[in-house]
Amino acid sequence: MRTDQTFRVTDFILESGTVLPEAVLAYETLGSLSPDGSNAVIYCSHFGATHEQCKFLVGAGAPLDPARHFIVLTNLTGNGLSSSPNNTPAPFSGPDFPLITVRDNVRLQRALVDHLEVRRAALVLGHSMGALQTFEWAAAYPDFVAAALPFCGAARVSEHNRAFLESMLSILACDPGYREGRYDAPPTGAMKAVGRAWAPWAPTHGFYRQRAWEALGFDSLQAFLIDYWEATFASFDANNMVSQIRTWLAADIGAHPYYEGFEAALASITARTIVMPGATDAYFPQEDSEFEAAHMPNAECRPIPSDWGHWAGSGRNPGDNAFIGDAVRELLDLAVSHRLDLAQE
């Protein structure tokens, strides 16, 4: 069974203390919830994407099979489907849209899965900003999450990653028509420039060395830059993009007062976790993932052996997809075994 829906929470209090009159979470469910409510998989979306871009791991016979799993695909705020600057009424529309943190997103998602009568998540997973949410899920709800697979992401934004994100915001701000988000017409030129600047960061040197854009249907570097990167970013609402970057910049599971620092937050994650960086990812390097896994009691770091950089987790490369899919199957098999063991006790 498939449903495309929205879940709404009135007077949703953000971490900042701001009250959003109505928080909207767009989502899709695939499959059916088991009688004991424990076959659920929560799949978090990434920057600039909707849940549709997460479906490369979903399908009959795929690692996430609706015949076996109840799959809840969520949409990150700021993506134009969930609460975003372009779909939220005044006084929080456009540039007045408040910061919605990763923790805020996960709190909203938890309200949804409680509404869906999910008793425990067999697996939470996601790519990039989806990985940020996965870490937050595992830290905030350790008794609820059986297994976690954050791939090509991190438990907090690094200073290097922060410098990249701030540079993208600076490019947009240089357009006089942007007017700090109060533009009369979309700042298309600036958004195309942001896309060009983004291009060497997500797929890294190995991708370009191999001319891997050809595997994606582009016959030249220039076509790839114009028809993918410029076109993709020109299609984004600028304020939505800024909102998601602000969410990304604020990511840090150790920032909550409940924890005594970042390492303590990592140590609180009890879920069986495979921290899966891209071996050549420029945003979230393997060294950071190794540090995270070393401070978690039930985790390992398993890099994707790919030249595709951050895009190793994007669903574009079949070999990378298979590597991620093997980890999904492994974690779900472990979750099933654990559930059976508990039932026999």
C-alpha atoms as a PDB file:
ATOM      1  CA  MET A   1       0.000   0.000   0.000  1.00  0.00           C
ATOM      2  CA  ARG A   2       1.241   3.489  -0.830  1.00  0.00           C
ATOM      3  CA  THR A   3       0.181   6.760   0.694  1.00  0.00           C
ATOM      4  CA  ASP A   4       1.442  10.281   0.078  1.00  0.00           C
ATOM      5  CA  GLN A   5       0.376  12.440   3.004  1.00  0.00           C
ATOM      6  CA  THR A   6       1.096  15.372   5.240  1.00  0.00           C
ATOM      7  CA  PHE A   7       1.250  15.277   9.024  1.00  0.00           C
ATOM      8  CA  ARG A   8       0.521  18.489  10.886  1.00  0.00           C
ATOM      9  CA  VAL A   9       1.315  19.617  14.402  1.00  0.00           C
ATOM     10  CA  THR A  10      -0.207  22.820  15.708  1.00  0.00           C
ATOM     11  CA  ASP A  11       1.780  25.213  17.908  1.00  0.00           C
ATOM     12  CA  PHE A  12       5.023  23.330  17.379  1.00  0.00           C
ATOM     13  CA  ILE A  13       7.704  24.725  19.709  1.00  0.00           C
ATOM     14  CA  LEU A  14      11.095  24.888  18.038  1.00  0.00           C
ATOM     15  CA  GLU A  15      14.405  24.524  19.859  1.00  0.00           C
ATOM     16  CA  SER A  16      14.806  28.290  19.550  1.00  0.00           C
ATOM     17  CA  GLY A  17      11.587  28.830  21.500  1.00  0.00           C
ATOM     18  CA  THR A  18       9.746  30.108  18.439  1.00  0.00           C
ATOM     19  CA  VAL A  19       6.259  28.647  18.092  1.00  0.00           C
ATOM     20  CA  LEU A  20       5.329  27.598  14.571  1.00  0.00           C
ATOM     21  CA  PRO A  21       1.514  27.801  14.349  1.00  0.00           C
ATOM     22  CA  GLU A  22       1.492  24.716  12.157  1.00  0.00           C
ATOM     23  CA  ALA A  23       4.444  22.433  11.394  1.00  0.00           C
ATOM     24  CA  VAL A  24       3.921  20.307   8.299  1.00  0.00           C
ATOM     25  CA  LEU A  25       5.768  17.064   7.602  1.00  0.00           C
ATOM     26  CA  ALA A  26       5.286  15.538   4.160  1.00  0.00           C
ATOM     27  CA  TYR A  27       5.850  11.810   4.040  1.00  0.00           C
ATOM     28  CA  GLU A  28       5.119   8.596   2.203  1.00  0.00           C
ATOM     29  CA  THR A  29       4.596   5.118   3.598  1.00  0.00           C
ATOM     30  CA  LEU A  30       5.214   1.904   1.712  1.00  0.00           C
ATOM     31  CA  GLY A  31       4.320  -1.550   2.990  1.00  0.00           C
ATOM     32  CA  SER A  32       2.320  -2.496   6.061  1.00  0.00           C
ATOM     33  CA  LEU A  33       3.125  -2.262   9.738  1.00  0.00           C
ATOM     34  CA  SER A  34       3.505  -5.659  11.403  1.00  0.00           C
ATOM     35  CA  PRO A  35       1.127  -6.579  14.255  1.00  0.00           C
ATOM     36  CA  ASP A  36       3.842  -5.905  16.823  1.00  0.00           C
ATOM     37  CA  GLY A  37       4.639  -2.543  15.204  1.00  0.00           C
ATOM     38  CA  SER A  38       8.349  -3.275  14.897  1.00  0.00           C
ATOM     39  CA  ASN A  39       9.107  -3.676  11.184  1.00  0.00           C
ATOM     40  CA  ALA A  40       9.298   0.056  10.528  1.00  0.00           C
ATOM     41  CA  VAL A  41      12.129   1.722   8.660  1.00  0.00           C
ATOM     42  CA  ILE A  42      12.513   5.499   8.845  1.00  0.00           C
ATOM     43  CA  TYR A  43      14.262   6.905   5.784  1.00  0.00           C
ATOM     44  CA  CYS A  44      15.244  10.581   6.066  1.00  0.00           C
ATOM     45  CA  SER A  45      15.676  12.798   2.999  1.00  0.00           C
ATOM     46  CA  HIS A  46      18.736  14.901   2.188  1.00  0.00           C
ATOM     47  CA  PHE A  47      19.579  18.444   1.070  1.00  0.00           C
ATOM     48  CA  GLY A  48      17.595  19.687  -1.913  1.00  0.00           C
ATOM     49  CA  ALA A  49      15.752  16.395  -2.276  1.00  0.00           C
ATOM     50  CA  THR A  50      12.331  14.973  -1.634  1.00  0.00           C
ATOM     51  CA  HIS A  51      11.531  11.445  -0.540  1.00  0.00           C
ATOM     52  CA  GLU A  52      11.395  10.428  -4.207  1.00  0.00           C
ATOM     53  CA  GLN A  53      15.203  10.716  -4.479  1.00  0.00           C
ATOM     54  CA  CYS A  54      15.602   8.187  -1.646  1.00  0.00           C
ATOM     55  CA  LYS A  55      13.870   5.317  -3.407  1.00  0.00           C
ATOM     56  CA  PHE A  56      16.936   3.731  -5.005  1.00  0.00           C
ATOM     57  CA  LEU A  57      17.050   1.365  -2.011  1.00  0.00           C
ATOM     58  CA  VAL A  58      13.299   0.651  -2.113  1.00  0.00           C
ATOM     59  CA  GLY A  59      11.282  -1.855  -4.130  1.00  0.00           C
ATOM     60  CA  ALA A  60      10.359  -5.493  -4.605  1.00  0.00           C
ATOM     61  CA  GLY A  61      13.459  -7.552  -3.852  1.00  0.00           C
ATOM     62  CA  ALA A  62      15.407  -4.384  -2.957  1.00  0.00           C
ATOM     63  CA  PRO A  63      17.123  -3.888   0.421  1.00  0.00           C
ATOM     64  CA  LEU A  64      14.016  -2.058   1.607  1.00  0.00           C
ATOM     65  CA  ASP A  65      11.165  -4.240   0.398  1.00  0.00           C
ATOM     66  CA  PRO A  66       7.587  -3.085   1.091  1.00  0.00           C
ATOM     67  CA  ALA A  67       6.567  -6.744   1.239  1.00  0.00           C
ATOM     68  CA  ARG A  68       8.662  -7.077   4.416  1.00  0.00           C
ATOM     69  CA  HIS A  69       9.077  -3.602   5.829  1.00  0.00           C
ATOM     70  CA  PHE A  70       6.896  -0.639   6.698  1.00  0.00           C
ATOM     71  CA  ILE A  71       8.921   2.164   5.142  1.00  0.00           C
ATOM     72  CA  VAL A  72       8.324   5.734   6.274  1.00  0.00           C
ATOM     73  CA  LEU A  73       9.971   8.208   3.901  1.00  0.00           C
ATOM     74  CA  THR A  74      10.168  11.663   5.438  1.00  0.00           C
ATOM     75  CA  ASN A  75      10.851  15.082   3.927  1.00  0.00           C
ATOM     76  CA  LEU A  76      13.276  17.491   5.546  1.00  0.00           C
ATOM     77  CA  THR A  77      11.851  20.937   6.267  1.00  0.00           C
ATOM     78  CA  GLY A  78      12.850  23.531   3.699  1.00  0.00           C
ATOM     79  CA  ASN A  79      12.454  21.155   0.747  1.00  0.00           C
ATOM     80  CA  GLY A  80       9.190  22.682  -0.458  1.00  0.00           C
ATOM     81  CA  LEU A  81       6.979  19.771   0.632  1.00  0.00           C
ATOM     82  CA  SER A  82       7.370  19.915   4.404  1.00  0.00           C
ATOM     83  CA  SER A  83       7.240  23.313   6.138  1.00  0.00           C
ATOM     84  CA  SER A  84       9.388  25.685   4.075  1.00  0.00           C
ATOM     85  CA  PRO A  85       9.822  29.398   3.460  1.00  0.00           C
ATOM     86  CA  ASN A  86       7.847  29.188   0.217  1.00  0.00           C
ATOM     87  CA  ASN A  87       4.789  27.403   1.642  1.00  0.00           C
ATOM     88  CA  THR A  88       4.483  28.824   5.163  1.00  0.00           C
ATOM     89  CA  PRO A  89       2.123  31.760   5.687  1.00  0.00           C
ATOM     90  CA  ALA A  90       3.114  35.053   7.291  1.00  0.00           C
ATOM     91  CA  PRO A  91       4.620  35.933   9.669  1.00  0.00           C
ATOM     92  CA  PHE A  92       7.027  33.059   8.935  1.00  0.00           C
ATOM     93  CA  SER A  93       7.095  33.149   5.151  1.00  0.00           C
ATOM     94  CA  GLY A  94      10.122  33.722   2.930  1.00  0.00           C
ATOM     95  CA  PRO A  95      13.169  35.153   4.721  1.00  0.00           C
ATOM     96  CA  ASP A  96      11.222  35.285   8.007  1.00  0.00           C
ATOM     97  CA  PHE A  97      11.099  31.489   8.174  1.00  0.00           C
ATOM     98  CA  PRO A  98      12.623  30.391  11.495  1.00  0.00           C
ATOM     99  CA  LEU A  99      15.583  28.083  11.962  1.00  0.00           C
ATOM    100  CA  ILE A 100      14.315  24.518  12.166  1.00  0.00           C
ATOM    101  CA  THR A 101      17.124  22.378  13.501  1.00  0.00           C
ATOM    102  CA  VAL A 102      17.865  18.729  12.812  1.00  0.00           C
ATOM    103  CA  ARG A 103      16.536  17.976  16.291  1.00  0.00           C
ATOM    104  CA  ASP A 104      13.319  19.870  15.488  1.00  0.00           C
ATOM    105  CA  ASN A 105      12.920  17.771  12.342  1.00  0.00           C
ATOM    106  CA  VAL A 106      13.427  14.541  14.252  1.00  0.00           C
ATOM    107  CA  ARG A 107      10.977  15.580  16.973  1.00  0.00           C
ATOM    108  CA  LEU A 108       8.390  16.210  14.276  1.00  0.00           C
ATOM    109  CA  GLN A 109       9.158  12.847  12.681  1.00  0.00           C
ATOM    110  CA  ARG A 110       8.829  11.106  16.051  1.00  0.00           C
ATOM    111  CA  ALA A 111       5.370  12.614  16.446  1.00  0.00           C
ATOM    112  CA  LEU A 112       4.489  11.185  13.026  1.00  0.00           C
ATOM    113  CA  VAL A 113       5.705   7.647  13.729  1.00  0.00           C
ATOM    114  CA  ASP A 114       3.909   7.656  17.074  1.00  0.00           C
ATOM    115  CA  HIS A 115       0.765   8.654  15.161  1.00  0.00           C
ATOM    116  CA  LEU A 116       1.413   5.721  12.803  1.00  0.00           C
ATOM    117  CA  GLU A 117       1.622   3.403  15.868  1.00  0.00           C
ATOM    118  CA  VAL A 118       5.214   2.409  15.245  1.00  0.00           C
ATOM    119  CA  ARG A 119       6.529   0.888  18.453  1.00  0.00           C
ATOM    120  CA  ARG A 120      10.177   0.587  17.464  1.00  0.00           C
ATOM    121  CA  ALA A 121      12.224   1.447  14.405  1.00  0.00           C
ATOM    122  CA  ALA A 122      14.063  -1.568  13.047  1.00  0.00           C
ATOM    123  CA  LEU A 123      16.289   0.846  11.124  1.00  0.00           C
ATOM    124  CA  VAL A 124      16.774   4.568  10.641  1.00  0.00           C
ATOM    125  CA  LEU A 125      18.894   5.652   7.703  1.00  0.00           C
ATOM    126  CA  GLY A 126      19.704   8.539   5.415  1.00  0.00           C
ATOM    127  CA  HIS A 127      22.256  10.155   3.145  1.00  0.00           C
ATOM    128  CA  SER A 128      23.986  13.496   3.841  1.00  0.00           C
ATOM    129  CA  MET A 129      21.491  15.622   5.770  1.00  0.00           C
ATOM    130  CA  GLY A 130      19.533  12.395   6.079  1.00  0.00           C
ATOM    131  CA  ALA A 131      22.544  11.051   7.979  1.00  0.00           C
ATOM    132  CA  LEU A 132      22.480  14.112  10.255  1.00  0.00           C
ATOM    133  CA  GLN A 133      18.888  13.175  11.098  1.00  0.00           C
ATOM    134  CA  THR A 134      19.819   9.507  11.547  1.00  0.00           C
ATOM    135  CA  PHE A 135      22.435  10.366  14.179  1.00  0.00           C
ATOM    136  CA  GLU A 136      19.899  12.603  15.924  1.00  0.00           C
ATOM    137  CA  TRP A 137      17.286   9.838  15.931  1.00  0.00           C
ATOM    138  CA  ALA A 138      19.741   7.364  17.450  1.00  0.00           C
ATOM    139  CA  ALA A 139      20.928   9.816  20.107  1.00  0.00           C
ATOM    140  CA  ALA A 140      17.546  11.264  21.050  1.00  0.00           C
ATOM    141  CA  TYR A 141      15.625   7.964  21.132  1.00  0.00           C
ATOM    142  CA  PRO A 142      18.086   5.160  21.994  1.00  0.00           C
ATOM    143  CA  ASP A 143      15.351   2.800  23.210  1.00  0.00           C
ATOM    144  CA  PHE A 144      13.344   3.288  20.016  1.00  0.00           C
ATOM    145  CA  VAL A 145      16.010   2.814  17.325  1.00  0.00           C
ATOM    146  CA  ALA A 146      17.289  -0.744  16.906  1.00  0.00           C
ATOM    147  CA  ALA A 147      19.754  -0.018  14.094  1.00  0.00           C
ATOM    148  CA  ALA A 148      21.089   3.032  12.290  1.00  0.00           C
ATOM    149  CA  LEU A 149      22.827   3.612   8.972  1.00  0.00           C
ATOM    150  CA  PRO A 150      24.040   7.190   8.480  1.00  0.00           C
ATOM    151  CA  PHE A 151      25.819   7.270   5.132  1.00  0.00           C
ATOM    152  CA  CYS A 152      27.921  10.119   3.758  1.00  0.00           C
ATOM    153  CA  GLY A 153      27.030  12.302   6.723  1.00  0.00           C
ATOM    154  CA  ALA A 154      28.029  13.175  10.273  1.00  0.00           C
ATOM    155  CA  ALA A 155      26.826  13.697  13.808  1.00  0.00           C
ATOM    156  CA  ARG A 156      27.820  17.365  13.646  1.00  0.00           C
ATOM    157  CA  VAL A 157      28.930  19.861  11.040  1.00  0.00           C
ATOM    158  CA  SER A 158      32.706  20.310  10.873  1.00  0.00           C
ATOM    159  CA  GLU A 159      34.454  23.659  10.604  1.00  0.00           C
ATOM    160  CA  HIS A 160      35.572  22.752   7.071  1.00  0.00           C
ATOM    161  CA  ASN A 161      32.002  21.909   6.098  1.00  0.00           C
ATOM    162  CA  ARG A 162      30.850  25.132   7.745  1.00  0.00           C
ATOM    163  CA  ALA A 163      33.301  27.137   5.634  1.00  0.00           C
ATOM    164  CA  PHE A 164      31.875  25.548   2.481  1.00  0.00           C
ATOM    165  CA  LEU A 165      28.280  26.293   3.425  1.00  0.00           C
ATOM    166  CA  GLU A 166      29.036  29.882   4.388  1.00  0.00           C
ATOM    167  CA  SER A 167      30.730  30.405   1.024  1.00  0.00           C
ATOM    168  CA  MET A 168      27.568  29.272  -0.782  1.00  0.00           C
ATOM    169  CA  LEU A 169      25.503  31.770   1.208  1.00  0.00           C
ATOM    170  CA  SER A 170      28.010  34.495   0.338  1.00  0.00           C
ATOM    171  CA  ILE A 171      27.633  33.832  -3.384  1.00  0.00           C
ATOM    172  CA  LEU A 172      23.877  34.265  -3.100  1.00  0.00           C
ATOM    173  CA  ALA A 173      24.249  37.434  -1.017  1.00  0.00           C
ATOM    174  CA  CYS A 174      26.402  39.032  -3.741  1.00  0.00           C
ATOM    175  CA  ASP A 175      23.392  39.247  -6.049  1.00  0.00           C
ATOM    176  CA  PRO A 176      21.821  42.691  -5.474  1.00  0.00           C
ATOM    177  CA  GLY A 177      18.475  41.260  -6.507  1.00  0.00           C
ATOM    178  CA  TYR A 178      18.542  38.753  -3.665  1.00  0.00           C
ATOM    179  CA  ARG A 179      17.830  41.503  -1.108  1.00  0.00           C
ATOM    180  CA  GLU A 180      18.390  39.211   1.896  1.00  0.00           C
ATOM    181  CA  GLY A 181      15.603  36.962   0.699  1.00  0.00           C
ATOM    182  CA  ARG A 182      13.091  39.715  -0.036  1.00  0.00           C
ATOM    183  CA  TYR A 183      13.507  39.434  -3.783  1.00  0.00           C
ATOM    184  CA  ASP A 184      10.880  40.538  -6.296  1.00  0.00           C
ATOM    185  CA  ALA A 185      12.022  37.948  -8.823  1.00  0.00           C
ATOM    186  CA  PRO A 186      13.948  34.728  -8.189  1.00  0.00           C
ATOM    187  CA  PRO A 187      17.725  35.375  -8.099  1.00  0.00           C
ATOM    188  CA  THR A 188      18.270  32.830 -10.858  1.00  0.00           C
ATOM    189  CA  GLY A 189      21.740  34.036 -11.851  1.00  0.00           C
ATOM    190  CA  ALA A 190      23.038  33.742  -8.313  1.00  0.00           C
ATOM    191  CA  MET A 191      21.467  30.322  -7.866  1.00  0.00           C
ATOM    192  CA  LYS A 192      23.156  29.114 -11.055  1.00  0.00           C
ATOM    193  CA  ALA A 193      26.454  30.434  -9.691  1.00  0.00           C
ATOM    194  CA  VAL A 194      25.886  28.537  -6.457  1.00  0.00           C
ATOM    195  CA  GLY A 195      25.286  25.416  -8.521  1.00  0.00           C
ATOM    196  CA  ARG A 196      28.569  25.929 -10.400  1.00  0.00           C
ATOM    197  CA  ALA A 197      30.412  26.432  -7.100  1.00  0.00           C
ATOM    198  CA  TRP A 198      28.790  23.307  -5.638  1.00  0.00           C
ATOM    199  CA  ALA A 199      29.791  21.163  -8.639  1.00  0.00           C
ATOM    200  CA  PRO A 200      33.363  20.186  -7.583  1.00  0.00           C
ATOM    201  CA  TRP A 201      32.345  19.386  -4.001  1.00  0.00           C
ATOM    202  CA  ALA A 202      29.718  16.647  -4.206  1.00  0.00           C
ATOM    203  CA  PRO A 203      31.306  14.463  -6.883  1.00  0.00           C
ATOM    204  CA  THR A 204      35.024  14.806  -6.233  1.00  0.00           C
ATOM    205  CA  HIS A 205      38.207  14.503  -8.271  1.00  0.00           C
ATOM    206  CA  GLY A 206      37.887  10.832  -9.138  1.00  0.00           C
ATOM    207  CA  PHE A 207      34.438  11.368 -10.618  1.00  0.00           C
ATOM    208  CA  TYR A 208      35.734  14.081 -12.924  1.00  0.00           C
ATOM    209  CA  ARG A 209      38.916  12.194 -13.783  1.00  0.00           C
ATOM    210  CA  GLN A 210      36.800   9.282 -14.977  1.00  0.00           C
ATOM    211  CA  ARG A 211      34.421  11.566 -16.916  1.00  0.00           C
ATOM    212  CA  ALA A 212      31.694   9.852 -14.932  1.00  0.00           C
ATOM    213  CA  TRP A 213      29.194  12.496 -16.000  1.00  0.00           C
ATOM    214  CA  GLU A 214      28.911  10.428 -19.191  1.00  0.00           C
ATOM    215  CA  ALA A 215      27.369   7.589 -17.170  1.00  0.00           C
ATOM    216  CA  LEU A 216      24.696  10.067 -16.099  1.00  0.00           C
ATOM    217  CA  GLY A 217      23.845  11.024 -19.666  1.00  0.00           C
ATOM    218  CA  PHE A 218      25.897  14.200 -20.168  1.00  0.00           C
ATOM    219  CA  ASP A 219      28.184  14.320 -23.207  1.00  0.00           C
ATOM    220  CA  SER A 220      30.591  16.975 -21.907  1.00  0.00           C
ATOM    221  CA  LEU A 221      31.734  18.735 -18.763  1.00  0.00           C
ATOM    222  CA  GLN A 222      30.026  21.908 -19.913  1.00  0.00           C
ATOM    223  CA  ALA A 223      26.740  20.091 -20.421  1.00  0.00           C
ATOM    224  CA  PHE A 224      27.059  18.607 -16.931  1.00  0.00           C
ATOM    225  CA  LEU A 225      27.682  22.030 -15.387  1.00  0.00           C
ATOM    226  CA  ILE A 226      24.854  23.738 -17.241  1.00  0.00           C
ATOM    227  CA  ASP A 227      22.198  21.055 -17.624  1.00  0.00           C
ATOM    228  CA  TYR A 228      22.645  19.511 -14.213  1.00  0.00           C
ATOM    229  CA  TRP A 229      24.250  21.926 -11.774  1.00  0.00           C
ATOM    230  CA  GLU A 230      22.891  25.237 -13.031  1.00  0.00           C
ATOM    231  CA  ALA A 231      19.494  23.781 -13.861  1.00  0.00           C
ATOM    232  CA  THR A 232      19.153  22.017 -10.517  1.00  0.00           C
ATOM    233  CA  PHE A 233      19.971  25.035  -8.384  1.00  0.00           C
ATOM    234  CA  ALA A 234      17.968  27.417 -10.573  1.00  0.00           C
ATOM    235  CA  SER A 235      14.952  25.204  -9.842  1.00  0.00           C
ATOM    236  CA  PHE A 236      15.325  25.683  -6.071  1.00  0.00           C
ATOM    237  CA  ASP A 237      13.536  28.423  -4.201  1.00  0.00           C
ATOM    238  CA  ALA A 238      16.411  30.535  -2.842  1.00  0.00           C
ATOM    239  CA  ASN A 239      14.902  30.965   0.617  1.00  0.00           C
ATOM    240  CA  ASN A 240      14.246  27.233   0.824  1.00  0.00           C
ATOM    241  CA  MET A 241      17.900  26.562   0.026  1.00  0.00           C
ATOM    242  CA  VAL A 242      19.020  29.042   2.678  1.00  0.00           C
ATOM    243  CA  SER A 243      16.700  27.411   5.213  1.00  0.00           C
ATOM    244  CA  GLN A 244      18.202  23.978   4.602  1.00  0.00           C
ATOM    245  CA  ILE A 245      21.743  25.345   4.775  1.00  0.00           C
ATOM    246  CA  ARG A 246      20.914  26.955   8.134  1.00  0.00           C
ATOM    247  CA  THR A 247      19.575  23.606   9.368  1.00  0.00           C
ATOM    248  CA  TRP A 248      22.772  21.925   8.174  1.00  0.00           C
ATOM    249  CA  LEU A 249      24.987  24.550   9.840  1.00  0.00           C
ATOM    250  CA  ALA A 250      23.270  24.008  13.192  1.00  0.00           C
ATOM    251  CA  ALA A 251      23.745  20.215  13.192  1.00  0.00           C
ATOM    252  CA  ASP A 252      25.439  18.839  16.308  1.00  0.00           C
ATOM    253  CA  ILE A 253      24.006  16.012  18.394  1.00  0.00           C
ATOM    254  CA  GLY A 254      26.089  17.181  21.362  1.00  0.00           C
ATOM    255  CA  ALA A 255      24.632  20.685  21.410  1.00  0.00           C
ATOM    256  CA  HIS A 256      21.599  19.719  23.454  1.00  0.00           C
ATOM    257  CA  PRO A 257      21.965  20.580  27.169  1.00  0.00           C
ATOM    258  CA  TYR A 258      21.041  16.988  28.046  1.00  0.00           C
ATOM    259  CA  TYR A 259      24.515  15.831  26.995  1.00  0.00           C
ATOM    260  CA  GLU A 260      27.872  16.735  28.449  1.00  0.00           C
ATOM    261  CA  GLY A 261      29.523  17.326  25.114  1.00  0.00           C
ATOM    262  CA  PHE A 262      29.762  15.656  21.730  1.00  0.00           C
ATOM    263  CA  GLU A 263      31.501  12.474  22.883  1.00  0.00           C
ATOM    264  CA  ALA A 264      28.854  11.895  25.559  1.00  0.00           C
ATOM    265  CA  ALA A 265      26.127  12.234  22.943  1.00  0.00           C
ATOM    266  CA  LEU A 266      27.849   9.651  20.751  1.00  0.00           C
ATOM    267  CA  ALA A 267      28.237   7.314  23.729  1.00  0.00           C
ATOM    268  CA  SER A 268      24.489   7.480  24.346  1.00  0.00           C
ATOM    269  CA  ILE A 269      23.765   5.809  20.988  1.00  0.00           C
ATOM    270  CA  THR A 270      23.060   2.156  21.707  1.00  0.00           C
ATOM    271  CA  ALA A 271      21.664   1.158  18.306  1.00  0.00           C
ATOM    272  CA  ARG A 272      23.672  -1.241  16.160  1.00  0.00           C
ATOM    273  CA  THR A 273      25.182   1.322  13.835  1.00  0.00           C
ATOM    274  CA  ILE A 274      27.203   1.236  10.668  1.00  0.00           C
ATOM    275  CA  VAL A 275      28.710   4.669  10.142  1.00  0.00           C
ATOM    276  CA  MET A 276      29.286   4.723   6.399  1.00  0.00           C
ATOM    277  CA  PRO A 277      31.318   7.595   4.951  1.00  0.00           C
ATOM    278  CA  GLY A 278      32.219   7.918   1.321  1.00  0.00           C
ATOM    279  CA  ALA A 279      35.948   7.186   1.135  1.00  0.00           C
ATOM    280  CA  THR A 280      36.502  10.346  -0.945  1.00  0.00           C
ATOM    281  CA  ASP A 281      33.744  12.563   0.483  1.00  0.00           C
ATOM    282  CA  ALA A 282      34.848  16.202   0.718  1.00  0.00           C
ATOM    283  CA  TYR A 283      32.005  17.192   3.066  1.00  0.00           C
ATOM    284  CA  PHE A 284      32.131  14.389   5.615  1.00  0.00           C
ATOM    285  CA  PRO A 285      35.598  12.776   5.632  1.00  0.00           C
ATOM    286  CA  GLN A 286      36.303   9.235   6.735  1.00  0.00           C
ATOM    287  CA  GLU A 287      38.432  10.437   9.661  1.00  0.00           C
ATOM    288  CA  ASP A 288      35.411  12.114  11.250  1.00  0.00           C
ATOM    289  CA  SER A 289      33.334   8.964  10.814  1.00  0.00           C
ATOM    290  CA  GLU A 290      36.062   6.866  12.405  1.00  0.00           C
ATOM    291  CA  PHE A 291      36.055   9.196  15.420  1.00  0.00           C
ATOM    292  CA  GLU A 292      32.268   8.950  15.711  1.00  0.00           C
ATOM    293  CA  ALA A 293      32.178   5.160  15.493  1.00  0.00           C
ATOM    294  CA  ALA A 294      35.010   4.832  18.030  1.00  0.00           C
ATOM    295  CA  HIS A 295      32.943   6.733  20.609  1.00  0.00           C
ATOM    296  CA  MET A 296      29.751   4.713  20.075  1.00  0.00           C
ATOM    297  CA  PRO A 297      29.336   1.454  22.014  1.00  0.00           C
ATOM    298  CA  ASN A 298      27.841  -0.635  19.206  1.00  0.00           C
ATOM    299  CA  ALA A 299      29.172   0.863  15.976  1.00  0.00           C
ATOM    300  CA  GLU A 300      31.666   0.335  13.214  1.00  0.00           C
ATOM    301  CA  CYS A 301      32.971   2.603  10.471  1.00  0.00           C
ATOM    302  CA  ARG A 302      32.559   1.013   7.039  1.00  0.00           C
ATOM    303  CA  PRO A 303      33.630   3.387   4.235  1.00  0.00           C
ATOM    304  CA  ILE A 304      32.135   3.141   0.759  1.00  0.00           C
ATOM    305  CA  PRO A 305      35.118   2.385  -1.502  1.00  0.00           C
ATOM    306  CA  SER A 306      34.132   4.895  -4.150  1.00  0.00           C
ATOM    307  CA  ASP A 307      35.656   7.649  -6.271  1.00  0.00           C
ATOM    308  CA  TRP A 308      32.292   9.417  -6.433  1.00  0.00           C
ATOM    309  CA  GLY A 309      32.857  11.500  -3.293  1.00  0.00           C
ATOM    310  CA  HIS A 310      29.716  12.609  -1.495  1.00  0.00           C
ATOM    311  CA  TRP A 311      27.687  11.241  -4.376  1.00  0.00           C
ATOM    312  CA  ALA A 312      28.630   7.710  -3.321  1.00  0.00           C
ATOM    313  CA  GLY A 313      25.494   7.878  -1.184  1.00  0.00           C
ATOM    314  CA  SER A 314      23.251   9.641  -3.683  1.00  0.00           C
ATOM    315  CA  GLY A 315      21.861   6.648  -5.563  1.00  0.00           C
ATOM    316  CA  ARG A 316      23.571   7.507  -8.851  1.00  0.00           C
ATOM    317  CA  ASN A 317      26.269   4.811  -8.916  1.00  0.00           C
ATOM    318  CA  PRO A 318      25.045   1.180  -9.025  1.00  0.00           C
ATOM    319  CA  GLY A 319      28.189  -0.185  -7.364  1.00  0.00           C
ATOM    320  CA  ASP A 320      27.875   2.211  -4.440  1.00  0.00           C
ATOM    321  CA  ASN A 321      24.155   1.452  -4.161  1.00  0.00           C
ATOM    322  CA  ALA A 322      24.928  -2.259  -3.845  1.00  0.00           C
ATOM    323  CA  PHE A 323      27.478  -1.602  -1.087  1.00  0.00           C
ATOM    324  CA  ILE A 324      24.967   0.469   0.897  1.00  0.00           C
ATOM    325  CA  GLY A 325      22.235  -2.071   0.212  1.00  0.00           C
ATOM    326  CA  ASP A 326      24.307  -4.891   1.688  1.00  0.00           C
ATOM    327  CA  ALA A 327      24.596  -2.920   4.936  1.00  0.00           C
ATOM    328  CA  VAL A 328      20.839  -2.259   4.968  1.00  0.00           C
ATOM    329  CA  ARG A 329      20.119  -5.974   4.655  1.00  0.00           C
ATOM    330  CA  GLU A 330      22.666  -6.826   7.339  1.00  0.00           C
ATOM    331  CA  LEU A 331      21.216  -4.377   9.849  1.00  0.00           C
ATOM    332  CA  LEU A 332      17.630  -5.428   9.165  1.00  0.00           C
ATOM    333  CA  ASP A 333      18.538  -9.104   9.565  1.00  0.00           C
ATOM    334  CA  LEU A 334      20.132  -8.280  12.915  1.00  0.00           C
ATOM    335  CA  ALA A 335      17.048  -6.325  13.959  1.00  0.00           C
ATOM    336  CA  VAL A 336      14.809  -9.287  13.090  1.00  0.00           C
ATOM    337  CA  SER A 337      17.065 -11.687  15.021  1.00  0.00           C
ATOM    338  CA  HIS A 338      17.029  -9.395  18.039  1.00  0.00           C
ATOM    339  CA  ARG A 339      13.232  -9.147  17.909  1.00  0.00           C
ATOM    340  CA  LEU A 340      12.924 -12.945  17.796  1.00  0.00           C
ATOM    341  CA  ASP A 341      15.306 -13.306  20.721  1.00  0.00           C
ATOM    342  CA  LEU A 342      13.250 -10.875  22.785  1.00  0.00           C
ATOM    343  CA  ALA A 343      10.044 -12.744  21.903  1.00  0.00           C
ATOM    344  CA  GLN A 344      11.539 -16.015  23.169  1.00  0.00           C
ATOM    345  CA  GLU A 345      12.630 -14.582  26.502  1.00  0.00           C
END
